PDB file of all heavy atoms in Angstrom:
ATOM      1  N   ASP A   1      -5.561  -5.601  10.606  1.00  0.00           N
ATOM      2  CA  ASP A   1      -6.768  -4.847  11.050  1.00  0.00           C
ATOM      3  C   ASP A   1      -6.238  -3.632  11.959  1.00  0.00           C
ATOM      4  O   ASP A   1      -7.042  -2.722  12.244  1.00  0.00           O
ATOM      5  CB  ASP A   1      -7.593  -5.716  11.979  1.00  0.00           C
ATOM      6  CG  ASP A   1      -8.296  -6.724  11.164  1.00  0.00           C
ATOM      7  OD1 ASP A   1      -8.550  -6.494   9.968  1.00  0.00           O
ATOM      8  OD2 ASP A   1      -8.723  -7.835  11.741  1.00  0.00           O
ATOM      9  N   ASP A   2      -4.885  -3.549  12.348  1.00  0.00           N
ATOM     10  CA  ASP A   2      -4.472  -2.464  13.254  1.00  0.00           C
ATOM     11  C   ASP A   2      -4.467  -1.223  12.380  1.00  0.00           C
ATOM     12  O   ASP A   2      -4.296  -0.157  12.931  1.00  0.00           O
ATOM     13  CB  ASP A   2      -3.099  -2.761  13.639  1.00  0.00           C
ATOM     14  CG  ASP A   2      -3.037  -3.901  14.690  1.00  0.00           C
ATOM     15  OD1 ASP A   2      -4.117  -4.166  15.149  1.00  0.00           O
ATOM     16  OD2 ASP A   2      -1.982  -4.509  14.827  1.00  0.00           O
ATOM     17  N   HIS A   3      -4.619  -1.282  11.086  1.00  0.00           N
ATOM     18  CA  HIS A   3      -4.780  -0.008  10.278  1.00  0.00           C
ATOM     19  C   HIS A   3      -5.905   0.789  10.652  1.00  0.00           C
ATOM     20  O   HIS A   3      -5.966   2.092  10.502  1.00  0.00           O
ATOM     21  CB  HIS A   3      -4.835  -0.311   8.772  1.00  0.00           C
ATOM     22  CG  HIS A   3      -3.542  -0.846   8.258  1.00  0.00           C
ATOM     23  ND1 HIS A   3      -3.459  -1.587   7.114  1.00  0.00           N
ATOM     24  CD2 HIS A   3      -2.243  -0.734   8.704  1.00  0.00           C
ATOM     25  CE1 HIS A   3      -2.238  -1.921   6.848  1.00  0.00           C
ATOM     26  NE2 HIS A   3      -1.448  -1.442   7.781  1.00  0.00           N
ATOM     27  N   ASP A   4      -7.011   0.193  11.241  1.00  0.00           N
ATOM     28  CA  ASP A   4      -8.135   0.858  11.644  1.00  0.00           C
ATOM     29  C   ASP A   4      -7.927   1.555  13.039  1.00  0.00           C
ATOM     30  O   ASP A   4      -7.934   1.019  14.014  1.00  0.00           O
ATOM     31  CB  ASP A   4      -9.382  -0.079  11.771  1.00  0.00           C
ATOM     32  CG  ASP A   4     -10.613   0.705  12.083  1.00  0.00           C
ATOM     33  OD1 ASP A   4     -10.537   1.908  12.122  1.00  0.00           O
ATOM     34  OD2 ASP A   4     -11.688  -0.042  12.255  1.00  0.00           O
ATOM     35  N   ASP A   5      -7.546   2.882  12.998  1.00  0.00           N
ATOM     36  CA  ASP A   5      -7.189   3.566  14.246  1.00  0.00           C
ATOM     37  C   ASP A   5      -8.351   4.524  14.679  1.00  0.00           C
ATOM     38  O   ASP A   5      -8.056   5.302  15.446  1.00  0.00           O
ATOM     39  CB  ASP A   5      -5.865   4.368  13.982  1.00  0.00           C
ATOM     40  CG  ASP A   5      -5.965   5.267  12.856  1.00  0.00           C
ATOM     41  OD1 ASP A   5      -7.045   5.450  12.273  1.00  0.00           O
ATOM     42  OD2 ASP A   5      -4.965   5.984  12.532  1.00  0.00           O
ATOM     43  N   GLY A   6      -9.497   4.259  14.114  1.00  0.00           N
ATOM     44  CA  GLY A   6     -10.599   5.158  14.497  1.00  0.00           C
ATOM     45  C   GLY A   6     -10.705   6.434  13.795  1.00  0.00           C
ATOM     46  O   GLY A   6     -11.711   7.214  14.038  1.00  0.00           O
ATOM     47  N   SER A   7      -9.770   6.775  12.862  1.00  0.00           N
ATOM     48  CA  SER A   7      -9.838   8.032  12.129  1.00  0.00           C
ATOM     49  C   SER A   7     -11.099   7.974  11.204  1.00  0.00           C
ATOM     50  O   SER A   7     -11.455   6.827  10.690  1.00  0.00           O
ATOM     51  CB  SER A   7      -8.538   8.220  11.401  1.00  0.00           C
ATOM     52  OG  SER A   7      -7.477   8.262  12.285  1.00  0.00           O
ATOM     53  N   ASP A   8     -11.568   9.120  10.812  1.00  0.00           N
ATOM     54  CA  ASP A   8     -12.746   9.242  10.046  1.00  0.00           C
ATOM     55  C   ASP A   8     -12.240   9.260   8.491  1.00  0.00           C
ATOM     56  O   ASP A   8     -12.056  10.344   7.951  1.00  0.00           O
ATOM     57  CB  ASP A   8     -13.542  10.482  10.355  1.00  0.00           C
ATOM     58  CG  ASP A   8     -14.786  10.589   9.490  1.00  0.00           C
ATOM     59  OD1 ASP A   8     -15.209   9.540   8.859  1.00  0.00           O
ATOM     60  OD2 ASP A   8     -15.381  11.688   9.401  1.00  0.00           O
ATOM     61  N   TYR A   9     -12.065   8.144   7.979  1.00  0.00           N
ATOM     62  CA  TYR A   9     -11.596   7.998   6.573  1.00  0.00           C
ATOM     63  C   TYR A   9     -12.525   7.075   5.786  1.00  0.00           C
ATOM     64  O   TYR A   9     -12.924   6.054   6.259  1.00  0.00           O
ATOM     65  CB  TYR A   9     -10.148   7.461   6.381  1.00  0.00           C
ATOM     66  CG  TYR A   9      -9.129   8.440   6.832  1.00  0.00           C
ATOM     67  CD1 TYR A   9      -8.553   8.306   8.058  1.00  0.00           C
ATOM     68  CD2 TYR A   9      -8.706   9.358   5.941  1.00  0.00           C
ATOM     69  CE1 TYR A   9      -7.598   9.193   8.568  1.00  0.00           C
ATOM     70  CE2 TYR A   9      -7.643  10.280   6.336  1.00  0.00           C
ATOM     71  CZ  TYR A   9      -7.137  10.146   7.655  1.00  0.00           C
ATOM     72  OH  TYR A   9      -6.146  11.070   8.083  1.00  0.00           O
ATOM     73  N   ASN A  10     -12.875   7.444   4.599  1.00  0.00           N
ATOM     74  CA  ASN A  10     -13.630   6.611   3.682  1.00  0.00           C
ATOM     75  C   ASN A  10     -12.909   6.496   2.410  1.00  0.00           C
ATOM     76  O   ASN A  10     -13.167   7.136   1.362  1.00  0.00           O
ATOM     77  CB  ASN A  10     -15.068   7.199   3.406  1.00  0.00           C
ATOM     78  CG  ASN A  10     -15.944   6.305   2.612  1.00  0.00           C
ATOM     79  OD1 ASN A  10     -15.700   5.204   2.494  1.00  0.00           O
ATOM     80  ND2 ASN A  10     -17.000   6.922   1.984  1.00  0.00           N
ATOM     81  N   ASP A  11     -11.919   5.654   2.479  1.00  0.00           N
ATOM     82  CA  ASP A  11     -10.950   5.569   1.310  1.00  0.00           C
ATOM     83  C   ASP A  11     -11.196   4.391   0.520  1.00  0.00           C
ATOM     84  O   ASP A  11     -10.877   3.255   0.946  1.00  0.00           O
ATOM     85  CB  ASP A  11      -9.502   5.552   1.908  1.00  0.00           C
ATOM     86  CG  ASP A  11      -8.318   5.610   0.995  1.00  0.00           C
ATOM     87  OD1 ASP A  11      -8.863   5.659  -0.386  1.00  0.00           O
ATOM     88  OD2 ASP A  11      -7.292   5.722   1.267  1.00  0.00           O
ATOM     89  N   PRO A  12     -11.590   4.472  -0.667  1.00  0.00           N
ATOM     90  CA  PRO A  12     -11.913   3.399  -1.548  1.00  0.00           C
ATOM     91  C   PRO A  12     -10.660   2.793  -2.293  1.00  0.00           C
ATOM     92  O   PRO A  12     -10.747   1.897  -3.029  1.00  0.00           O
ATOM     93  CB  PRO A  12     -12.980   3.894  -2.603  1.00  0.00           C
ATOM     94  CG  PRO A  12     -12.556   5.329  -2.707  1.00  0.00           C
ATOM     95  CD  PRO A  12     -11.989   5.800  -1.424  1.00  0.00           C
ATOM     96  N   THR A  13      -9.532   3.476  -2.083  1.00  0.00           N
ATOM     97  CA  THR A  13      -8.313   3.010  -2.760  1.00  0.00           C
ATOM     98  C   THR A  13      -7.993   1.594  -2.418  1.00  0.00           C
ATOM     99  O   THR A  13      -7.866   1.184  -1.227  1.00  0.00           O
ATOM    100  CB  THR A  13      -7.096   3.946  -2.397  1.00  0.00           C
ATOM    101  OG1 THR A  13      -7.553   5.290  -2.566  1.00  0.00           O
ATOM    102  CG2 THR A  13      -5.993   3.688  -3.282  1.00  0.00           C
ATOM    103  N   PRO A  14      -7.664   0.740  -3.424  1.00  0.00           N
ATOM    104  CA  PRO A  14      -7.450  -0.685  -3.152  1.00  0.00           C
ATOM    105  C   PRO A  14      -6.152  -0.983  -2.533  1.00  0.00           C
ATOM    106  O   PRO A  14      -5.105  -0.235  -2.891  1.00  0.00           O
ATOM    107  CB  PRO A  14      -7.674  -1.288  -4.595  1.00  0.00           C
ATOM    108  CG  PRO A  14      -7.221  -0.174  -5.551  1.00  0.00           C
ATOM    109  CD  PRO A  14      -7.653   1.074  -4.984  1.00  0.00           C
ATOM    110  N   LEU A  15      -6.028  -2.063  -1.805  1.00  0.00           N
ATOM    111  CA  LEU A  15      -4.724  -2.652  -1.454  1.00  0.00           C
ATOM    112  C   LEU A  15      -4.225  -3.533  -2.484  1.00  0.00           C
ATOM    113  O   LEU A  15      -4.877  -4.590  -2.776  1.00  0.00           O
ATOM    114  CB  LEU A  15      -4.908  -3.323  -0.085  1.00  0.00           C
ATOM    115  CG  LEU A  15      -3.567  -3.929   0.564  1.00  0.00           C
ATOM    116  CD1 LEU A  15      -2.687  -2.833   1.005  1.00  0.00           C
ATOM    117  CD2 LEU A  15      -3.977  -4.790   1.725  1.00  0.00           C
ATOM    118  N   LEU A  16      -3.355  -3.254  -3.270  1.00  0.00           N
ATOM    119  CA  LEU A  16      -2.828  -3.913  -4.493  1.00  0.00           C
ATOM    120  C   LEU A  16      -1.937  -5.135  -4.245  1.00  0.00           C
ATOM    121  O   LEU A  16      -1.713  -5.922  -5.046  1.00  0.00           O
ATOM    122  CB  LEU A  16      -2.099  -3.061  -5.372  1.00  0.00           C
ATOM    123  CG  LEU A  16      -2.951  -1.834  -5.986  1.00  0.00           C
ATOM    124  CD1 LEU A  16      -2.127  -1.014  -6.915  1.00  0.00           C
ATOM    125  CD2 LEU A  16      -4.231  -2.407  -6.668  1.00  0.00           C
ATOM    126  N   GLY A  17      -1.462  -5.193  -3.005  1.00  0.00           N
ATOM    127  CA  GLY A  17      -0.570  -6.320  -2.707  1.00  0.00           C
ATOM    128  C   GLY A  17       0.239  -6.126  -1.419  1.00  0.00           C
ATOM    129  O   GLY A  17       0.171  -5.119  -0.835  1.00  0.00           O
ATOM    130  N   ARG A  18       1.043  -7.101  -1.023  1.00  0.00           N
ATOM    131  CA  ARG A  18       1.999  -7.011   0.081  1.00  0.00           C
ATOM    132  C   ARG A  18       3.325  -6.487  -0.512  1.00  0.00           C
ATOM    133  O   ARG A  18       3.514  -6.537  -1.653  1.00  0.00           O
ATOM    134  CB  ARG A  18       2.027  -8.430   0.679  1.00  0.00           C
ATOM    135  CG  ARG A  18       0.717  -8.957   1.238  1.00  0.00           C
ATOM    136  CD  ARG A  18       0.854 -10.488   1.444  1.00  0.00           C
ATOM    137  NE  ARG A  18       1.657 -10.686   2.634  1.00  0.00           N
ATOM    138  CZ  ARG A  18       1.259 -10.731   3.931  1.00  0.00           C
ATOM    139  NH1 ARG A  18       0.013 -10.411   4.236  1.00  0.00           N
ATOM    140  NH2 ARG A  18       2.067 -10.937   4.840  1.00  0.00           N
ATOM    141  N   PRO A  19       4.173  -6.140   0.442  1.00  0.00           N
ATOM    142  CA  PRO A  19       5.513  -5.671   0.022  1.00  0.00           C
ATOM    143  C   PRO A  19       6.249  -6.675  -0.893  1.00  0.00           C
ATOM    144  O   PRO A  19       6.963  -6.276  -1.809  1.00  0.00           O
ATOM    145  CB  PRO A  19       6.266  -5.420   1.330  1.00  0.00           C
ATOM    146  CG  PRO A  19       5.220  -5.138   2.297  1.00  0.00           C
ATOM    147  CD  PRO A  19       4.081  -5.993   1.962  1.00  0.00           C
ATOM    148  N   ALA A  20       6.070  -8.010  -0.602  1.00  0.00           N
ATOM    149  CA  ALA A  20       6.701  -9.042  -1.436  1.00  0.00           C
ATOM    150  C   ALA A  20       6.259  -9.010  -2.816  1.00  0.00           C
ATOM    151  O   ALA A  20       6.822  -9.540  -3.744  1.00  0.00           O
ATOM    152  CB  ALA A  20       6.531 -10.408  -0.767  1.00  0.00           C
ATOM    153  N   ASP A  21       5.058  -8.428  -3.120  1.00  0.00           N
ATOM    154  CA  ASP A  21       4.495  -8.319  -4.412  1.00  0.00           C
ATOM    155  C   ASP A  21       4.907  -7.167  -5.251  1.00  0.00           C
ATOM    156  O   ASP A  21       4.445  -7.067  -6.394  1.00  0.00           O
ATOM    157  CB  ASP A  21       2.982  -8.313  -4.413  1.00  0.00           C
ATOM    158  CG  ASP A  21       2.380  -9.435  -3.592  1.00  0.00           C
ATOM    159  OD1 ASP A  21       2.907 -10.553  -3.671  1.00  0.00           O
ATOM    160  OD2 ASP A  21       1.391  -9.259  -2.829  1.00  0.00           O
ATOM    161  N   VAL A  22       5.849  -6.429  -4.768  1.00  0.00           N
ATOM    162  CA  VAL A  22       6.182  -5.223  -5.404  1.00  0.00           C
ATOM    163  C   VAL A  22       6.666  -5.372  -6.830  1.00  0.00           C
ATOM    164  O   VAL A  22       6.338  -4.525  -7.636  1.00  0.00           O
ATOM    165  CB  VAL A  22       7.310  -4.353  -4.454  1.00  0.00           C
ATOM    166  CG1 VAL A  22       8.584  -5.200  -4.442  1.00  0.00           C
ATOM    167  CG2 VAL A  22       7.551  -3.026  -5.131  1.00  0.00           C
ATOM    168  N   ALA A  23       7.486  -6.356  -7.061  1.00  0.00           N
ATOM    169  CA  ALA A  23       8.023  -6.562  -8.485  1.00  0.00           C
ATOM    170  C   ALA A  23       6.839  -6.804  -9.401  1.00  0.00           C
ATOM    171  O   ALA A  23       6.854  -6.174 -10.510  1.00  0.00           O
ATOM    172  CB  ALA A  23       9.032  -7.668  -8.502  1.00  0.00           C
ATOM    173  N   ALA A  24       5.842  -7.616  -9.065  1.00  0.00           N
ATOM    174  CA  ALA A  24       4.758  -7.888  -9.839  1.00  0.00           C
ATOM    175  C   ALA A  24       3.864  -6.723 -10.065  1.00  0.00           C
ATOM    176  O   ALA A  24       3.449  -6.362 -11.176  1.00  0.00           O
ATOM    177  CB  ALA A  24       3.910  -9.053  -9.345  1.00  0.00           C
ATOM    178  N   VAL A  25       3.693  -5.857  -9.019  1.00  0.00           N
ATOM    179  CA  VAL A  25       2.843  -4.708  -9.116  1.00  0.00           C
ATOM    180  C   VAL A  25       3.548  -3.713 -10.079  1.00  0.00           C
ATOM    181  O   VAL A  25       2.849  -3.098 -10.861  1.00  0.00           O
ATOM    182  CB  VAL A  25       2.550  -4.164  -7.771  1.00  0.00           C
ATOM    183  CG1 VAL A  25       1.858  -2.788  -7.714  1.00  0.00           C
ATOM    184  CG2 VAL A  25       1.771  -5.122  -6.904  1.00  0.00           C
ATOM    185  N   LEU A  26       4.784  -3.554  -9.904  1.00  0.00           N
ATOM    186  CA  LEU A  26       5.568  -2.521 -10.672  1.00  0.00           C
ATOM    187  C   LEU A  26       5.488  -2.921 -12.144  1.00  0.00           C
ATOM    188  O   LEU A  26       5.387  -2.055 -13.039  1.00  0.00           O
ATOM    189  CB  LEU A  26       6.930  -2.390 -10.297  1.00  0.00           C
ATOM    190  CG  LEU A  26       7.149  -1.686  -8.849  1.00  0.00           C
ATOM    191  CD1 LEU A  26       8.633  -1.743  -8.501  1.00  0.00           C
ATOM    192  CD2 LEU A  26       6.719  -0.346  -8.880  1.00  0.00           C
ATOM    193  N   GLU A  27       5.535  -4.335 -12.416  1.00  0.00           N
ATOM    194  CA  GLU A  27       5.512  -4.722 -13.793  1.00  0.00           C
ATOM    195  C   GLU A  27       4.166  -4.620 -14.403  1.00  0.00           C
ATOM    196  O   GLU A  27       4.016  -4.216 -15.608  1.00  0.00           O
ATOM    197  CB  GLU A  27       6.000  -6.197 -13.772  1.00  0.00           C
ATOM    198  CG  GLU A  27       6.197  -6.676 -15.198  1.00  0.00           C
ATOM    199  CD  GLU A  27       7.264  -6.088 -16.024  1.00  0.00           C
ATOM    200  OE1 GLU A  27       8.182  -5.607 -15.383  1.00  0.00           O
ATOM    201  OE2 GLU A  27       7.009  -5.900 -17.259  1.00  0.00           O
ATOM    202  N   ASN A  28       3.098  -4.895 -13.589  1.00  0.00           N
ATOM    203  CA  ASN A  28       1.753  -4.873 -14.199  1.00  0.00           C
ATOM    204  C   ASN A  28       1.182  -3.449 -14.295  1.00  0.00           C
ATOM    205  O   ASN A  28       0.533  -3.141 -15.321  1.00  0.00           O
ATOM    206  CB  ASN A  28       0.821  -5.696 -13.297  1.00  0.00           C
ATOM    207  CG  ASN A  28       1.094  -7.172 -13.316  1.00  0.00           C
ATOM    208  OD1 ASN A  28       1.640  -7.569 -14.336  1.00  0.00           O
ATOM    209  ND2 ASN A  28       0.753  -7.888 -12.316  1.00  0.00           N
ATOM    210  N   ILE A  29       1.365  -2.595 -13.285  1.00  0.00           N
ATOM    211  CA  ILE A  29       0.779  -1.302 -13.247  1.00  0.00           C
ATOM    212  C   ILE A  29       1.732  -0.185 -13.867  1.00  0.00           C
ATOM    213  O   ILE A  29       1.259   0.788 -14.280  1.00  0.00           O
ATOM    214  CB  ILE A  29       0.307  -0.952 -11.842  1.00  0.00           C
ATOM    215  CG1 ILE A  29      -0.652  -1.958 -11.400  1.00  0.00           C
ATOM    216  CG2 ILE A  29      -0.253   0.412 -11.673  1.00  0.00           C
ATOM    217  CD1 ILE A  29      -1.096  -1.835  -9.917  1.00  0.00           C
ATOM    218  N   ARG A  30       2.977  -0.395 -13.738  1.00  0.00           N
ATOM    219  CA  ARG A  30       3.991   0.542 -14.174  1.00  0.00           C
ATOM    220  C   ARG A  30       3.740   1.929 -13.631  1.00  0.00           C
ATOM    221  O   ARG A  30       3.518   3.007 -14.354  1.00  0.00           O
ATOM    222  CB  ARG A  30       4.037   0.657 -15.673  1.00  0.00           C
ATOM    223  CG  ARG A  30       4.426  -0.746 -16.271  1.00  0.00           C
ATOM    224  CD  ARG A  30       4.597  -0.641 -17.757  1.00  0.00           C
ATOM    225  NE  ARG A  30       4.879  -1.877 -18.431  1.00  0.00           N
ATOM    226  CZ  ARG A  30       6.186  -2.430 -18.396  1.00  0.00           C
ATOM    227  NH1 ARG A  30       7.161  -1.756 -17.978  1.00  0.00           N
ATOM    228  NH2 ARG A  30       6.341  -3.599 -18.947  1.00  0.00           N
ATOM    229  N   PRO A  31       3.738   2.052 -12.287  1.00  0.00           N
ATOM    230  CA  PRO A  31       3.586   3.391 -11.700  1.00  0.00           C
ATOM    231  C   PRO A  31       4.816   4.344 -11.955  1.00  0.00           C
ATOM    232  O   PRO A  31       5.882   3.762 -12.098  1.00  0.00           O
ATOM    233  CB  PRO A  31       3.383   3.218 -10.252  1.00  0.00           C
ATOM    234  CG  PRO A  31       4.123   1.929  -9.983  1.00  0.00           C
ATOM    235  CD  PRO A  31       3.919   1.110 -11.283  1.00  0.00           C
ATOM    236  N   LYS A  32       4.632   5.600 -11.984  1.00  0.00           N
ATOM    237  CA  LYS A  32       5.774   6.454 -12.145  1.00  0.00           C
ATOM    238  C   LYS A  32       6.314   6.959 -10.840  1.00  0.00           C
ATOM    239  O   LYS A  32       7.486   7.410 -10.798  1.00  0.00           O
ATOM    240  CB  LYS A  32       5.328   7.696 -13.000  1.00  0.00           C
ATOM    241  CG  LYS A  32       5.033   7.389 -14.441  1.00  0.00           C
ATOM    242  CD  LYS A  32       6.169   6.888 -15.154  1.00  0.00           C
ATOM    243  CE  LYS A  32       5.905   6.733 -16.640  1.00  0.00           C
ATOM    244  NZ  LYS A  32       7.087   6.287 -17.469  1.00  0.00           N
ATOM    245  N   VAL A  33       5.583   6.885  -9.719  1.00  0.00           N
ATOM    246  CA  VAL A  33       5.944   7.264  -8.521  1.00  0.00           C
ATOM    247  C   VAL A  33       5.567   6.311  -7.390  1.00  0.00           C
ATOM    248  O   VAL A  33       4.437   5.657  -7.459  1.00  0.00           O
ATOM    249  CB  VAL A  33       5.317   8.647  -8.125  1.00  0.00           C
ATOM    250  CG1 VAL A  33       5.623   9.123  -6.711  1.00  0.00           C
ATOM    251  CG2 VAL A  33       5.702   9.706  -9.159  1.00  0.00           C
ATOM    252  N   LEU A  34       6.542   6.032  -6.454  1.00  0.00           N
ATOM    253  CA  LEU A  34       6.142   5.205  -5.343  1.00  0.00           C
ATOM    254  C   LEU A  34       6.533   6.006  -4.040  1.00  0.00           C
ATOM    255  O   LEU A  34       7.738   6.561  -3.929  1.00  0.00           O
ATOM    256  CB  LEU A  34       7.012   3.925  -5.390  1.00  0.00           C
ATOM    257  CG  LEU A  34       6.798   2.893  -4.236  1.00  0.00           C
ATOM    258  CD1 LEU A  34       6.750   1.463  -4.824  1.00  0.00           C
ATOM    259  CD2 LEU A  34       7.790   2.994  -3.190  1.00  0.00           C
ATOM    260  N   ILE A  35       5.620   6.110  -3.175  1.00  0.00           N
ATOM    261  CA  ILE A  35       5.813   6.943  -1.877  1.00  0.00           C
ATOM    262  C   ILE A  35       5.797   6.002  -0.733  1.00  0.00           C
ATOM    263  O   ILE A  35       4.829   5.182  -0.494  1.00  0.00           O
ATOM    264  CB  ILE A  35       4.742   7.975  -1.706  1.00  0.00           C
ATOM    265  CG1 ILE A  35       4.748   8.956  -2.876  1.00  0.00           C
ATOM    266  CG2 ILE A  35       5.116   8.830  -0.509  1.00  0.00           C
ATOM    267  CD1 ILE A  35       3.674   9.964  -2.861  1.00  0.00           C
ATOM    268  N   VAL A  36       6.858   5.883   0.062  1.00  0.00           N
ATOM    269  CA  VAL A  36       7.010   5.065   1.268  1.00  0.00           C
ATOM    270  C   VAL A  36       6.484   5.867   2.472  1.00  0.00           C
ATOM    271  O   VAL A  36       7.071   6.770   2.891  1.00  0.00           O
ATOM    272  CB  VAL A  36       8.528   4.621   1.485  1.00  0.00           C
ATOM    273  CG1 VAL A  36       8.555   3.726   2.670  1.00  0.00           C
ATOM    274  CG2 VAL A  36       8.987   3.920   0.164  1.00  0.00           C
ATOM    275  N   ALA A  37       5.223   5.295   2.952  1.00  0.00           N
ATOM    276  CA  ALA A  37       4.693   5.898   4.132  1.00  0.00           C
ATOM    277  C   ALA A  37       4.744   5.012   5.312  1.00  0.00           C
ATOM    278  O   ALA A  37       3.955   5.071   6.210  1.00  0.00           O
ATOM    279  CB  ALA A  37       3.278   6.377   3.825  1.00  0.00           C
ATOM    280  N   HIS A  38       5.699   4.035   5.225  1.00  0.00           N
ATOM    281  CA  HIS A  38       5.981   3.034   6.241  1.00  0.00           C
ATOM    282  C   HIS A  38       4.757   2.103   6.585  1.00  0.00           C
ATOM    283  O   HIS A  38       4.863   0.976   6.113  1.00  0.00           O
ATOM    284  CB  HIS A  38       6.341   3.833   7.580  1.00  0.00           C
ATOM    285  CG  HIS A  38       7.457   4.821   7.350  1.00  0.00           C
ATOM    286  ND1 HIS A  38       8.700   4.464   6.966  1.00  0.00           N
ATOM    287  CD2 HIS A  38       7.467   6.162   7.339  1.00  0.00           C
ATOM    288  CE1 HIS A  38       9.540   5.456   6.842  1.00  0.00           C
ATOM    289  NE2 HIS A  38       8.730   6.598   7.062  1.00  0.00           N
ATOM    290  N   GLY A  39       3.818   2.552   7.288  1.00  0.00           N
ATOM    291  CA  GLY A  39       2.673   1.541   7.526  1.00  0.00           C
ATOM    292  C   GLY A  39       3.164   0.426   8.480  1.00  0.00           C
ATOM    293  O   GLY A  39       3.990   0.639   9.367  1.00  0.00           O
ATOM    294  N   MET A  40       2.818  -0.850   8.168  1.00  0.00           N
ATOM    295  CA  MET A  40       3.072  -2.036   9.043  1.00  0.00           C
ATOM    296  C   MET A  40       4.331  -2.775   8.473  1.00  0.00           C
ATOM    297  O   MET A  40       4.709  -3.749   8.955  1.00  0.00           O
ATOM    298  CB  MET A  40       1.961  -2.990   9.028  1.00  0.00           C
ATOM    299  CG  MET A  40       0.590  -2.448   9.546  1.00  0.00           C
ATOM    300  SD  MET A  40       0.744  -1.859  11.211  1.00  0.00           S
ATOM    301  CE  MET A  40       1.049  -3.487  12.055  1.00  0.00           C
ATOM    302  N   VAL A  41       4.914  -2.236   7.413  1.00  0.00           N
ATOM    303  CA  VAL A  41       6.067  -2.883   6.736  1.00  0.00           C
ATOM    304  C   VAL A  41       7.373  -2.678   7.592  1.00  0.00           C
ATOM    305  O   VAL A  41       7.745  -1.536   7.858  1.00  0.00           O
ATOM    306  CB  VAL A  41       6.308  -2.272   5.373  1.00  0.00           C
ATOM    307  CG1 VAL A  41       7.378  -3.142   4.590  1.00  0.00           C
ATOM    308  CG2 VAL A  41       4.952  -2.360   4.535  1.00  0.00           C
ATOM    309  N   PRO A  42       7.970  -3.743   7.955  1.00  0.00           N
ATOM    310  CA  PRO A  42       9.276  -3.634   8.710  1.00  0.00           C
ATOM    311  C   PRO A  42      10.349  -3.006   7.922  1.00  0.00           C
ATOM    312  O   PRO A  42      10.314  -2.944   6.672  1.00  0.00           O
ATOM    313  CB  PRO A  42       9.710  -5.084   9.001  1.00  0.00           C
ATOM    314  CG  PRO A  42       8.445  -5.885   8.778  1.00  0.00           C
ATOM    315  CD  PRO A  42       7.661  -5.199   7.850  1.00  0.00           C
ATOM    316  N   GLU A  43      11.300  -2.316   8.640  1.00  0.00           N
ATOM    317  CA  GLU A  43      12.351  -1.497   8.011  1.00  0.00           C
ATOM    318  C   GLU A  43      13.106  -2.316   6.951  1.00  0.00           C
ATOM    319  O   GLU A  43      13.368  -1.801   5.857  1.00  0.00           O
ATOM    320  CB  GLU A  43      13.366  -1.021   9.060  1.00  0.00           C
ATOM    321  CG  GLU A  43      14.113   0.224   8.645  1.00  0.00           C
ATOM    322  CD  GLU A  43      13.375   1.516   8.751  1.00  0.00           C
ATOM    323  OE1 GLU A  43      12.327   1.584   9.405  1.00  0.00           O
ATOM    324  OE2 GLU A  43      13.896   2.459   8.260  1.00  0.00           O
TER     325      GLU A  43
END
């Protein structure tokens, strides 16, 4: 819930999984680009 920082965003983009799910997400969705914007994920 800490992602809610009070900013005015209305973002319908889905949360597809946790960092541990990356292999499954990459295999299912086959994205061409992955951008690391840090977030709550430890280093």
